[in-house]
Every structure is written in C-alpha cells, then in structure tokens.
Amino acid sequence: MDSIKKEIKEIKERLYGGWTPSYEDAIAIQAKLKDKVVDKSTFGDLKTLAGADIAILKDENKLIAGIVVFSYPALEVIEKSSAVAEESFPYIPGLLAFREAPAIIEAYRKLDVKPDLLVLDGQGIAHPRGFGIACHVGVILDVPSIGVAKKRLYGRYEDPEQNAGDWSYLLSNDGGRIGAVLRTKRGTKPVFISVGHKVDIITSLEIIVRCARGYRIPEPTRLADRYVAELKKKRNAAVE
C-alpha cells in the first residue's frame, strides 16, 4: 500500500508541479494509474458530496473549475469553490483529465468542507483505457468519485425503458460491466454512470438516482455547471 501511495505521489508531483506531459506520457500515466482504481465502496454513511465542472475561457487560454458541496441526501448547498488554471494540455478525446483536472484539483484544495464523494461530468472506468477523468481525479486526490457523462465514450448497452429510474448495464467490448445507463427523467436521453474510485457501480447508480431532481442532469453536476457558467460570465464582464 505504501508503494502505491508513493507511486501516485510521484506522478501527482510531476503532473501538478509545472510539467506538461506529451500524448505518449499521458497514455502511459493512464496505464500506470488504472490499476490503482478501487471499484468497491470504502466510505460509511454518506453525509456530503460535491459536483465538479469546468468552463473554457477561450480568450485567456485558461479553464475555470467550480465545485459545489452538498449535504446528502437533502442536497442543500454547503460550500462553493473555484479555481482558474492554464489550458496547458490540448483537447484530446480520452485524455480529458490532463486538460481539466488541474483546475478541478485546485478548486478542491480550496474547500473547507472536503466532501465524502465527488461527482464529475465525464467518464470513470467507462473509457477505452479504463481511466477517465473521474478515475484520474479520484485516484490523485484519493477520494471516492463517480463519473456521470452526457454521452457514451466507450462500450455497448441496451437502451433502458423510458421511465425515470430505468437503467441498463454499460458493457465493455468483452462483456464486462463498466457502468450503468440511467434514465433520470421520462422521455429524455439517458446519462452514463461509471465508477471513478472507491465506489462500486450499484452504489454509484443508487446515489445518482437520489440526486436526480426532475432534470436530465443530476443536481451535483447540474448546479456545478450553472456555477461555472456564472463565474465565466462575471469574469468576461470584468474583462470588458
């Protein structure tokens, strides 16, 4: 266990100490960290959770991240935090974490209330290399995390029934269960849930079902998205 923590610490220090990985470096890091993902729930009573999202500040070549912490299951807002980071890594499908995670991690560090669980707008293990942004942030911060994506990146599934709460498994090419496809609102497109770190898929599904409050997007990431949109609007207004 100590050797695993040391290895993660070394990667973390490189990634967030001013070094920008190449494409090949990023692929290698995903391969190395994939085996560090814990797909079992390690937390007890879930009392707080947070949603995280980012917005792009195109004119500044920067990203702004926002985290909203909620009580659970009431989902009352407890705290908000934000951070701005340089857009040092380009947009490459499958390598989203190397572009977005620095701002999210910085926003997390600013929180007074560290949540029991993070919900991220993106993939967890439902990823071509089994290591999406929810895994990346979860492993680097060593916190339980869930990925909730608007679109499928990888895998196959049967469309769930049309009622809110209906779901089906998302399967890898070899038939392994890598996520859940959940209908959060009747008649809308489903969302794609997958394990990030220190949580199992059924627990992830149950949590997100309880976080669906009449919208397609669950409250943690829906309000985090609204929060960063407000931050971006204020920042743009200040620049003008």
C-alpha atoms as a PDB file:
ATOM      1  CA  MET A   1       0.000   0.000   0.000  1.00  0.00           C
ATOM      2  CA  ASP A   2       2.832   2.411   0.856  1.00  0.00           C
ATOM      3  CA  SER A   3       4.487   1.733  -2.504  1.00  0.00           C
ATOM      4  CA  ILE A   4       1.196   2.503  -4.297  1.00  0.00           C
ATOM      5  CA  LYS A   5       0.819   5.781  -2.417  1.00  0.00           C
ATOM      6  CA  LYS A   6       4.431   6.677  -3.208  1.00  0.00           C
ATOM      7  CA  GLU A   7       3.940   5.974  -6.904  1.00  0.00           C
ATOM      8  CA  ILE A   8       0.767   8.090  -7.040  1.00  0.00           C
ATOM      9  CA  LYS A   9       2.502  10.878  -5.123  1.00  0.00           C
ATOM     10  CA  GLU A  10       5.387  10.941  -7.593  1.00  0.00           C
ATOM     11  CA  ILE A  11       3.017  11.151 -10.578  1.00  0.00           C
ATOM     12  CA  LYS A  12       0.963  13.823  -8.821  1.00  0.00           C
ATOM     13  CA  GLU A  13       4.033  15.936  -8.092  1.00  0.00           C
ATOM     14  CA  ARG A  14       5.156  15.754 -11.710  1.00  0.00           C
ATOM     15  CA  LEU A  15       1.735  16.487 -13.190  1.00  0.00           C
ATOM     16  CA  TYR A  16       0.949  19.370 -10.867  1.00  0.00           C
ATOM     17  CA  GLY A  17       4.430  20.750 -10.468  1.00  0.00           C
ATOM     18  CA  GLY A  18       4.626  22.528 -13.808  1.00  0.00           C
ATOM     19  CA  TRP A  19       5.289  19.559 -16.122  1.00  0.00           C
ATOM     20  CA  THR A  20       3.084  19.126 -19.194  1.00  0.00           C
ATOM     21  CA  PRO A  21       3.014  15.533 -20.431  1.00  0.00           C
ATOM     22  CA  SER A  22       3.198  14.574 -24.080  1.00  0.00           C
ATOM     23  CA  TYR A  23       0.490  12.434 -25.659  1.00  0.00           C
ATOM     24  CA  GLU A  24       2.631   9.347 -25.075  1.00  0.00           C
ATOM     25  CA  ASP A  25       3.299  10.368 -21.461  1.00  0.00           C
ATOM     26  CA  ALA A  26      -0.428  10.815 -20.812  1.00  0.00           C
ATOM     27  CA  ILE A  27      -1.252   7.370 -22.203  1.00  0.00           C
ATOM     28  CA  ALA A  28       1.482   5.832 -20.050  1.00  0.00           C
ATOM     29  CA  ILE A  29       0.192   7.595 -16.924  1.00  0.00           C
ATOM     30  CA  GLN A  30      -3.329   6.299 -17.543  1.00  0.00           C
ATOM     31  CA  ALA A  31      -1.976   2.777 -17.932  1.00  0.00           C
ATOM     32  CA  LYS A  32       0.021   3.076 -14.715  1.00  0.00           C
ATOM     33  CA  LEU A  33      -2.791   4.578 -12.639  1.00  0.00           C
ATOM     34  CA  LYS A  34      -5.555   2.331 -13.979  1.00  0.00           C
ATOM     35  CA  ASP A  35      -4.525  -0.459 -11.627  1.00  0.00           C
ATOM     36  CA  LYS A  36      -4.811   1.915  -8.655  1.00  0.00           C
ATOM     37  CA  VAL A  37      -8.586   2.323  -9.083  1.00  0.00           C
ATOM     38  CA  VAL A  38     -10.620   0.769  -6.276  1.00  0.00           C
ATOM     39  CA  ASP A  39     -14.050  -0.348  -7.531  1.00  0.00           C
ATOM     40  CA  LYS A  40     -15.504  -1.067  -4.087  1.00  0.00           C
ATOM     41  CA  SER A  41     -17.213   1.420  -1.781  1.00  0.00           C
ATOM     42  CA  THR A  42     -14.863   2.451   1.021  1.00  0.00           C
ATOM     43  CA  PHE A  43     -16.979   5.093   2.741  1.00  0.00           C
ATOM     44  CA  GLY A  44     -19.533   4.645   5.525  1.00  0.00           C
ATOM     45  CA  ASP A  45     -22.513   6.940   5.893  1.00  0.00           C
ATOM     46  CA  LEU A  46     -22.510   9.384   3.007  1.00  0.00           C
ATOM     47  CA  LYS A  47     -23.158  12.818   4.505  1.00  0.00           C
ATOM     48  CA  THR A  48     -21.718  15.147   1.877  1.00  0.00           C
ATOM     49  CA  LEU A  49     -20.979  15.016  -1.819  1.00  0.00           C
ATOM     50  CA  ALA A  50     -19.845  17.522  -4.412  1.00  0.00           C
ATOM     51  CA  GLY A  51     -20.334  18.172  -8.095  1.00  0.00           C
ATOM     52  CA  ALA A  52     -17.465  19.484 -10.217  1.00  0.00           C
ATOM     53  CA  ASP A  53     -17.421  21.015 -13.686  1.00  0.00           C
ATOM     54  CA  ILE A  54     -15.318  23.336 -15.829  1.00  0.00           C
ATOM     55  CA  ALA A  55     -15.774  26.130 -18.369  1.00  0.00           C
ATOM     56  CA  ILE A  56     -13.326  27.263 -21.019  1.00  0.00           C
ATOM     57  CA  LEU A  57     -12.026  30.830 -21.026  1.00  0.00           C
ATOM     58  CA  LYS A  58     -11.085  30.861 -24.702  1.00  0.00           C
ATOM     59  CA  ASP A  59      -9.726  34.391 -24.904  1.00  0.00           C
ATOM     60  CA  GLU A  60      -7.407  33.698 -21.977  1.00  0.00           C
ATOM     61  CA  ASN A  61      -6.398  30.113 -22.824  1.00  0.00           C
ATOM     62  CA  LYS A  62      -7.486  29.111 -19.354  1.00  0.00           C
ATOM     63  CA  LEU A  63     -10.054  26.875 -17.687  1.00  0.00           C
ATOM     64  CA  ILE A  64     -12.232  27.765 -14.734  1.00  0.00           C
ATOM     65  CA  ALA A  65     -13.405  24.981 -12.447  1.00  0.00           C
ATOM     66  CA  GLY A  66     -16.230  25.067  -9.951  1.00  0.00           C
ATOM     67  CA  ILE A  67     -17.098  22.679  -7.143  1.00  0.00           C
ATOM     68  CA  VAL A  68     -20.371  22.763  -5.239  1.00  0.00           C
ATOM     69  CA  VAL A  69     -20.593  20.799  -1.978  1.00  0.00           C
ATOM     70  CA  PHE A  70     -23.984  19.481  -0.858  1.00  0.00           C
ATOM     71  CA  SER A  71     -25.418  17.723   2.147  1.00  0.00           C
ATOM     72  CA  TYR A  72     -26.660  14.233   1.324  1.00  0.00           C
ATOM     73  CA  PRO A  73     -29.354  13.151   0.744  1.00  0.00           C
ATOM     74  CA  ALA A  74     -31.023  16.570   1.205  1.00  0.00           C
ATOM     75  CA  LEU A  75     -28.721  18.173  -1.401  1.00  0.00           C
ATOM     76  CA  GLU A  76     -28.570  21.519   0.361  1.00  0.00           C
ATOM     77  CA  VAL A  77     -25.603  23.637  -0.762  1.00  0.00           C
ATOM     78  CA  ILE A  78     -22.893  23.849   1.899  1.00  0.00           C
ATOM     79  CA  GLU A  79     -19.964  25.452   0.096  1.00  0.00           C
ATOM     80  CA  LYS A  80     -18.661  26.520  -3.295  1.00  0.00           C
ATOM     81  CA  SER A  81     -15.097  26.792  -4.538  1.00  0.00           C
ATOM     82  CA  SER A  82     -13.460  27.752  -7.829  1.00  0.00           C
ATOM     83  CA  ALA A  83     -10.051  27.930  -9.456  1.00  0.00           C
ATOM     84  CA  VAL A  84      -8.536  29.053 -12.742  1.00  0.00           C
ATOM     85  CA  ALA A  85      -5.744  27.116 -14.455  1.00  0.00           C
ATOM     86  CA  GLU A  86      -3.795  27.444 -17.668  1.00  0.00           C
ATOM     87  CA  GLU A  87      -5.013  25.346 -20.574  1.00  0.00           C
ATOM     88  CA  SER A  88      -1.666  23.636 -20.964  1.00  0.00           C
ATOM     89  CA  PHE A  89      -2.892  20.351 -22.461  1.00  0.00           C
ATOM     90  CA  PRO A  90      -4.958  20.275 -25.685  1.00  0.00           C
ATOM     91  CA  TYR A  91      -8.409  18.785 -26.084  1.00  0.00           C
ATOM     92  CA  ILE A  92      -7.914  15.131 -26.994  1.00  0.00           C
ATOM     93  CA  PRO A  93     -10.780  12.646 -26.646  1.00  0.00           C
ATOM     94  CA  GLY A  94      -9.898  10.085 -23.999  1.00  0.00           C
ATOM     95  CA  LEU A  95      -7.369  12.399 -22.322  1.00  0.00           C
ATOM     96  CA  LEU A  96      -9.793  14.946 -20.905  1.00  0.00           C
ATOM     97  CA  ALA A  97      -8.315  14.739 -17.402  1.00  0.00           C
ATOM     98  CA  PHE A  98      -4.953  16.147 -18.440  1.00  0.00           C
ATOM     99  CA  ARG A  99      -6.713  19.279 -19.661  1.00  0.00           C
ATOM    100  CA  GLU A 100      -9.378  19.724 -16.970  1.00  0.00           C
ATOM    101  CA  ALA A 101      -8.152  18.051 -13.791  1.00  0.00           C
ATOM    102  CA  PRO A 102      -5.595  20.732 -12.755  1.00  0.00           C
ATOM    103  CA  ALA A 103      -8.331  23.350 -12.273  1.00  0.00           C
ATOM    104  CA  ILE A 104     -10.655  20.875 -10.542  1.00  0.00           C
ATOM    105  CA  ILE A 105      -7.937  19.718  -8.155  1.00  0.00           C
ATOM    106  CA  GLU A 106      -7.012  23.302  -7.307  1.00  0.00           C
ATOM    107  CA  ALA A 107     -10.656  24.123  -6.578  1.00  0.00           C
ATOM    108  CA  TYR A 108     -10.885  21.028  -4.383  1.00  0.00           C
ATOM    109  CA  ARG A 109      -7.855  22.102  -2.376  1.00  0.00           C
ATOM    110  CA  LYS A 110      -9.579  25.381  -1.524  1.00  0.00           C
ATOM    111  CA  LEU A 111     -12.602  23.701   0.052  1.00  0.00           C
ATOM    112  CA  ASP A 112     -13.070  23.975   3.803  1.00  0.00           C
ATOM    113  CA  VAL A 113     -15.531  21.068   3.723  1.00  0.00           C
ATOM    114  CA  LYS A 114     -13.971  18.126   1.927  1.00  0.00           C
ATOM    115  CA  PRO A 115     -16.874  16.032   0.553  1.00  0.00           C
ATOM    116  CA  ASP A 116     -17.232  12.310   1.136  1.00  0.00           C
ATOM    117  CA  LEU A 117     -17.677  11.820  -2.606  1.00  0.00           C
ATOM    118  CA  LEU A 118     -17.024  13.724  -5.844  1.00  0.00           C
ATOM    119  CA  VAL A 119     -19.332  13.578  -8.869  1.00  0.00           C
ATOM    120  CA  LEU A 120     -17.646  14.645 -12.107  1.00  0.00           C
ATOM    121  CA  ASP A 121     -19.017  15.495 -15.531  1.00  0.00           C
ATOM    122  CA  GLY A 122     -17.219  12.797 -17.501  1.00  0.00           C
ATOM    123  CA  GLN A 123     -16.252   9.156 -17.572  1.00  0.00           C
ATOM    124  CA  GLY A 124     -14.849   6.886 -14.911  1.00  0.00           C
ATOM    125  CA  ILE A 125     -13.853   3.365 -15.938  1.00  0.00           C
ATOM    126  CA  ALA A 126     -16.259   3.546 -18.917  1.00  0.00           C
ATOM    127  CA  HIS A 127     -13.309   4.635 -21.007  1.00  0.00           C
ATOM    128  CA  PRO A 128     -11.279   2.989 -23.795  1.00  0.00           C
ATOM    129  CA  ARG A 129      -8.329   2.606 -21.411  1.00  0.00           C
ATOM    130  CA  GLY A 130     -10.444   2.231 -18.270  1.00  0.00           C
ATOM    131  CA  PHE A 131      -9.295   5.521 -16.780  1.00  0.00           C
ATOM    132  CA  GLY A 132     -11.424   8.593 -17.397  1.00  0.00           C
ATOM    133  CA  ILE A 133     -11.414  11.918 -15.574  1.00  0.00           C
ATOM    134  CA  ALA A 134     -13.448  10.622 -12.608  1.00  0.00           C
ATOM    135  CA  CYS A 135     -10.799   7.944 -12.049  1.00  0.00           C
ATOM    136  CA  HIS A 136      -7.958  10.418 -12.527  1.00  0.00           C
ATOM    137  CA  VAL A 137      -9.262  12.954 -10.019  1.00  0.00           C
ATOM    138  CA  GLY A 138     -10.355  10.257  -7.567  1.00  0.00           C
ATOM    139  CA  VAL A 139      -7.011   8.461  -7.578  1.00  0.00           C
ATOM    140  CA  ILE A 140      -4.894  11.633  -7.475  1.00  0.00           C
ATOM    141  CA  LEU A 141      -6.910  13.087  -4.576  1.00  0.00           C
ATOM    142  CA  ASP A 142      -7.551   9.657  -3.013  1.00  0.00           C
ATOM    143  CA  VAL A 143     -11.281  10.357  -2.668  1.00  0.00           C
ATOM    144  CA  PRO A 144     -14.365   8.393  -3.752  1.00  0.00           C
ATOM    145  CA  SER A 145     -15.592   9.602  -7.133  1.00  0.00           C
ATOM    146  CA  ILE A 146     -18.240   8.887  -9.744  1.00  0.00           C
ATOM    147  CA  GLY A 147     -18.313   9.818 -13.411  1.00  0.00           C
ATOM    148  CA  VAL A 148     -21.624  10.977 -14.893  1.00  0.00           C
ATOM    149  CA  ALA A 149     -21.379  11.661 -18.618  1.00  0.00           C
ATOM    150  CA  LYS A 150     -23.924  13.002 -21.076  1.00  0.00           C
ATOM    151  CA  LYS A 151     -22.647  10.772 -23.879  1.00  0.00           C
ATOM    152  CA  ARG A 152     -21.182   7.312 -24.224  1.00  0.00           C
ATOM    153  CA  LEU A 153     -17.464   7.308 -24.891  1.00  0.00           C
ATOM    154  CA  TYR A 154     -16.942   3.566 -24.926  1.00  0.00           C
ATOM    155  CA  GLY A 155     -18.965   0.388 -24.509  1.00  0.00           C
ATOM    156  CA  ARG A 156     -22.296  -1.034 -25.617  1.00  0.00           C
ATOM    157  CA  TYR A 157     -25.702  -1.180 -24.000  1.00  0.00           C
ATOM    158  CA  GLU A 158     -29.384  -1.799 -24.482  1.00  0.00           C
ATOM    159  CA  ASP A 159     -31.456   1.350 -24.243  1.00  0.00           C
ATOM    160  CA  PRO A 160     -33.245   1.481 -20.863  1.00  0.00           C
ATOM    161  CA  GLU A 161     -37.011   1.821 -20.645  1.00  0.00           C
ATOM    162  CA  GLN A 162     -38.480   5.333 -20.787  1.00  0.00           C
ATOM    163  CA  ASN A 163     -39.404   5.897 -17.123  1.00  0.00           C
ATOM    164  CA  ALA A 164     -37.243   7.841 -14.684  1.00  0.00           C
ATOM    165  CA  GLY A 165     -35.068   5.371 -12.800  1.00  0.00           C
ATOM    166  CA  ASP A 166     -34.941   2.790 -15.590  1.00  0.00           C
ATOM    167  CA  TRP A 167     -31.418   1.642 -16.359  1.00  0.00           C
ATOM    168  CA  SER A 168     -29.260  -0.946 -18.063  1.00  0.00           C
ATOM    169  CA  TYR A 169     -25.628  -2.005 -17.784  1.00  0.00           C
ATOM    170  CA  LEU A 170     -22.940  -0.453 -19.953  1.00  0.00           C
ATOM    171  CA  LEU A 171     -20.679  -3.244 -21.154  1.00  0.00           C
ATOM    172  CA  SER A 172     -17.124  -3.325 -22.424  1.00  0.00           C
ATOM    173  CA  ASN A 173     -16.306  -4.992 -25.725  1.00  0.00           C
ATOM    174  CA  ASP A 174     -15.581  -8.246 -23.898  1.00  0.00           C
ATOM    175  CA  GLY A 175     -18.841  -8.101 -21.928  1.00  0.00           C
ATOM    176  CA  GLY A 176     -17.582  -6.722 -18.616  1.00  0.00           C
ATOM    177  CA  ARG A 177     -19.839  -4.363 -16.663  1.00  0.00           C
ATOM    178  CA  ILE A 178     -18.212  -0.943 -16.790  1.00  0.00           C
ATOM    179  CA  GLY A 179     -21.129   1.343 -15.994  1.00  0.00           C
ATOM    180  CA  ALA A 180     -24.843   1.983 -15.926  1.00  0.00           C
ATOM    181  CA  VAL A 181     -27.050   3.780 -18.431  1.00  0.00           C
ATOM    182  CA  LEU A 182     -29.676   5.647 -16.418  1.00  0.00           C
ATOM    183  CA  ARG A 183     -32.878   7.390 -17.477  1.00  0.00           C
ATOM    184  CA  THR A 184     -33.106  10.253 -14.983  1.00  0.00           C
ATOM    185  CA  LYS A 185     -36.236  11.792 -16.492  1.00  0.00           C
ATOM    186  CA  ARG A 186     -39.003  10.231 -18.547  1.00  0.00           C
ATOM    187  CA  GLY A 187     -38.550  10.659 -22.264  1.00  0.00           C
ATOM    188  CA  THR A 188     -35.068  12.204 -22.096  1.00  0.00           C
ATOM    189  CA  LYS A 189     -31.743  10.766 -23.190  1.00  0.00           C
ATOM    190  CA  PRO A 190     -30.002   8.694 -20.504  1.00  0.00           C
ATOM    191  CA  VAL A 191     -26.803   9.580 -18.667  1.00  0.00           C
ATOM    192  CA  PHE A 192     -23.796   7.279 -18.384  1.00  0.00           C
ATOM    193  CA  ILE A 193     -22.589   6.449 -14.892  1.00  0.00           C
ATOM    194  CA  SER A 194     -19.307   4.754 -14.099  1.00  0.00           C
ATOM    195  CA  VAL A 195     -17.011   4.126 -11.167  1.00  0.00           C
ATOM    196  CA  GLY A 196     -14.303   6.697 -10.610  1.00  0.00           C
ATOM    197  CA  HIS A 197     -12.609   5.488  -7.425  1.00  0.00           C
ATOM    198  CA  LYS A 198     -13.511   3.855  -4.105  1.00  0.00           C
ATOM    199  CA  VAL A 199     -17.142   3.156  -5.015  1.00  0.00           C
ATOM    200  CA  ASP A 200     -18.937   0.273  -6.728  1.00  0.00           C
ATOM    201  CA  ILE A 201     -21.257   0.598  -9.710  1.00  0.00           C
ATOM    202  CA  ILE A 202     -24.523  -0.264  -7.941  1.00  0.00           C
ATOM    203  CA  THR A 203     -23.807   2.225  -5.139  1.00  0.00           C
ATOM    204  CA  SER A 204     -22.906   4.820  -7.793  1.00  0.00           C
ATOM    205  CA  LEU A 205     -26.210   4.191  -9.534  1.00  0.00           C
ATOM    206  CA  GLU A 206     -28.209   4.425  -6.295  1.00  0.00           C
ATOM    207  CA  ILE A 207     -26.549   7.725  -5.377  1.00  0.00           C
ATOM    208  CA  ILE A 208     -27.145   9.308  -8.776  1.00  0.00           C
ATOM    209  CA  VAL A 209     -30.791   8.161  -8.783  1.00  0.00           C
ATOM    210  CA  ARG A 210     -31.243  10.017  -5.475  1.00  0.00           C
ATOM    211  CA  CYS A 211     -29.530  13.063  -6.977  1.00  0.00           C
ATOM    212  CA  ALA A 212     -31.901  13.256  -9.937  1.00  0.00           C
ATOM    213  CA  ARG A 213     -34.362  16.015  -9.109  1.00  0.00           C
ATOM    214  CA  GLY A 214     -36.550  16.398 -12.181  1.00  0.00           C
ATOM    215  CA  TYR A 215     -33.815  17.241 -14.670  1.00  0.00           C
ATOM    216  CA  ARG A 216     -31.838  15.036 -17.026  1.00  0.00           C
ATOM    217  CA  ILE A 217     -28.554  16.022 -15.366  1.00  0.00           C
ATOM    218  CA  PRO A 218     -28.229  15.084 -11.663  1.00  0.00           C
ATOM    219  CA  GLU A 219     -28.105  18.003  -9.227  1.00  0.00           C
ATOM    220  CA  PRO A 220     -24.389  17.845  -8.298  1.00  0.00           C
ATOM    221  CA  THR A 221     -23.076  18.367 -11.820  1.00  0.00           C
ATOM    222  CA  ARG A 222     -26.090  20.379 -12.993  1.00  0.00           C
ATOM    223  CA  LEU A 223     -25.504  23.029 -10.324  1.00  0.00           C
ATOM    224  CA  ALA A 224     -21.729  22.853 -10.742  1.00  0.00           C
ATOM    225  CA  ASP A 225     -22.261  23.598 -14.448  1.00  0.00           C
ATOM    226  CA  ARG A 226     -24.510  26.541 -13.560  1.00  0.00           C
ATOM    227  CA  TYR A 227     -21.933  27.772 -11.056  1.00  0.00           C
ATOM    228  CA  VAL A 228     -19.035  27.809 -13.549  1.00  0.00           C
ATOM    229  CA  ALA A 229     -21.262  29.471 -16.151  1.00  0.00           C
ATOM    230  CA  GLU A 230     -21.918  32.276 -13.658  1.00  0.00           C
ATOM    231  CA  LEU A 231     -18.211  32.548 -12.857  1.00  0.00           C
ATOM    232  CA  LYS A 232     -17.351  32.734 -16.536  1.00  0.00           C
ATOM    233  CA  LYS A 233     -19.972  35.403 -17.165  1.00  0.00           C
ATOM    234  CA  LYS A 234     -18.665  37.545 -14.291  1.00  0.00           C
ATOM    235  CA  ARG A 235     -15.074  37.124 -15.439  1.00  0.00           C
ATOM    236  CA  ASN A 236     -15.922  38.086 -19.015  1.00  0.00           C
ATOM    237  CA  ALA A 237     -17.852  41.122 -17.781  1.00  0.00           C
ATOM    238  CA  ALA A 238     -14.894  42.226 -15.664  1.00  0.00           C
ATOM    239  CA  VAL A 239     -12.544  41.933 -18.659  1.00  0.00           C
ATOM    240  CA  GLU A 240     -14.891  44.028 -20.839  1.00  0.00           C
END
